């Protein structure tokens, strides 16, 4: 059965997404040489932002995960997002955080302007 994720699903979601993106070029760029150290922190940040917006879907066994930003909101904003990304930046360091910002800017530059999933 597919359902919306709950906070208690965080560990399983992080493990599934980290394994699924272990060889992903985007994750390799964003996380760099610190991939193993940072991947769980990065996926946790993605999860924490999206679960609050109810945009994380999982199978009951957590073997399948989909995380999205709702149309019209490319990246969650507000105090919670600032706190999540500040925590990630403190763990990852400035260089890794800049790679994430560069990646986000590159994706935004080629994304369609209309709201979309």
Protein backbone atom coordinates (compact mmCIF):
# COMPACT_ATOMS: atom_id res chain seq x y z
CA UNK A 1 0.00 0.00 0.00
CA UNK A 2 1.20 3.53 -0.78
CA UNK A 3 0.71 6.20 1.88
CA UNK A 4 2.00 9.55 3.02
CA UNK A 5 5.12 9.28 5.14
CA UNK A 6 5.15 10.16 8.82
CA UNK A 7 8.02 11.53 10.90
CA UNK A 8 8.61 8.03 12.27
CA UNK A 9 9.46 6.83 8.76
CA UNK A 10 12.53 9.06 8.54
CA UNK A 11 15.18 6.37 9.13
CA UNK A 12 13.75 3.96 6.59
CA UNK A 13 13.19 6.70 4.01
CA UNK A 14 16.74 7.98 4.43
CA UNK A 15 18.16 4.48 4.00
CA UNK A 16 16.07 3.79 0.88
CA UNK A 17 16.82 7.11 -0.82
CA UNK A 18 20.53 7.01 0.06
CA UNK A 19 20.80 3.51 -1.46
CA UNK A 20 18.77 4.46 -4.54
CA UNK A 21 20.96 7.50 -5.27
CA UNK A 22 24.31 5.95 -4.34
CA UNK A 23 25.60 6.25 -7.91
CA UNK A 24 23.50 9.24 -9.01
CA UNK A 25 25.57 11.94 -10.78
CA UNK A 26 23.65 14.78 -9.14
CA UNK A 27 24.20 13.38 -5.64
CA UNK A 28 27.86 12.76 -6.55
CA UNK A 29 28.24 16.42 -7.52
CA UNK A 30 26.33 17.81 -4.54
CA UNK A 31 28.02 15.61 -1.92
CA UNK A 32 31.46 15.40 -3.52
CA UNK A 33 34.21 13.43 -1.82
CA UNK A 34 32.17 13.40 1.41
CA UNK A 35 29.33 11.37 -0.10
CA UNK A 36 29.32 8.67 2.56
CA UNK A 37 29.54 11.15 5.41
CA UNK A 38 26.91 13.54 4.03
CA UNK A 39 24.33 11.43 2.22
CA UNK A 40 22.18 10.61 5.26
CA UNK A 41 22.26 14.26 6.42
CA UNK A 42 21.32 15.50 2.95
CA UNK A 43 18.44 13.05 2.52
CA UNK A 44 17.27 13.83 6.07
CA UNK A 45 17.08 17.52 5.14
CA UNK A 46 15.07 16.70 2.01
CA UNK A 47 12.76 14.45 4.02
CA UNK A 48 12.24 16.90 6.90
CA UNK A 49 11.18 19.68 4.52
CA UNK A 50 8.89 17.57 2.41
CA UNK A 51 7.26 15.49 5.15
CA UNK A 52 6.13 18.71 6.83
CA UNK A 53 4.44 19.70 3.56
CA UNK A 54 2.94 16.17 3.26
CA UNK A 55 4.84 15.59 0.01
CA UNK A 56 6.58 12.32 0.87
CA UNK A 57 4.96 9.09 -0.27
CA UNK A 58 6.14 5.62 0.74
CA UNK A 59 5.25 1.97 0.44
CA UNK A 60 4.39 0.35 3.76
CA UNK A 61 7.76 -1.44 3.83
CA UNK A 62 9.60 1.83 2.96
CA UNK A 63 11.25 0.13 -0.04
CA UNK A 64 9.73 2.77 -2.35
CA UNK A 65 9.83 6.52 -1.74
CA UNK A 66 8.73 9.60 -3.66
CA UNK A 67 9.53 13.09 -2.36
CA UNK A 68 8.30 16.19 -4.16
CA UNK A 69 8.01 19.94 -3.98
CA UNK A 70 4.46 21.04 -4.72
CA UNK A 71 3.81 22.98 -7.94
CA UNK A 72 4.73 26.63 -7.62
CA UNK A 73 7.19 26.00 -4.79
CA UNK A 74 10.50 24.75 -6.11
CA UNK A 75 12.05 24.75 -2.65
CA UNK A 76 10.33 24.94 0.70
CA UNK A 77 10.76 28.33 2.35
CA UNK A 78 10.32 29.82 5.77
CA UNK A 79 11.83 29.42 9.21
CA UNK A 80 11.74 25.62 9.11
CA UNK A 81 13.58 25.49 5.77
CA UNK A 82 16.16 27.99 7.01
CA UNK A 83 16.74 25.87 10.12
CA UNK A 84 17.00 22.59 8.17
CA UNK A 85 19.47 24.04 5.66
CA UNK A 86 21.49 25.80 8.37
CA UNK A 87 21.85 22.47 10.18
CA UNK A 88 22.91 20.76 6.94
CA UNK A 89 25.39 23.54 6.11
CA UNK A 90 26.96 23.26 9.57
CA UNK A 91 27.45 19.51 9.03
CA UNK A 92 28.47 19.66 5.37
CA UNK A 93 30.65 22.75 5.35
CA UNK A 94 30.67 25.76 3.08
CA UNK A 95 32.15 24.05 0.02
CA UNK A 96 29.53 21.28 -0.04
CA UNK A 97 26.75 23.77 0.60
CA UNK A 98 27.96 25.91 -2.29
CA UNK A 99 27.85 22.87 -4.59
CA UNK A 100 24.22 22.38 -3.55
CA UNK A 101 23.46 26.05 -4.28
CA UNK A 102 25.17 25.78 -7.68
CA UNK A 103 23.20 22.63 -8.50
CA UNK A 104 19.92 24.29 -7.50
CA UNK A 105 20.76 27.36 -9.62
CA UNK A 106 21.56 25.18 -12.65
CA UNK A 107 18.28 23.26 -12.31
CA UNK A 108 16.31 26.49 -11.87
CA UNK A 109 17.91 27.96 -14.99
CA UNK A 110 16.53 25.17 -17.19
CA UNK A 111 13.21 24.52 -15.45
CA UNK A 112 9.96 25.54 -17.05
CA UNK A 113 8.48 28.65 -15.46
CA UNK A 114 4.98 27.19 -15.08
CA UNK A 115 4.13 25.38 -11.84
CA UNK A 116 4.58 21.63 -12.30
CA UNK A 117 5.16 18.38 -10.43
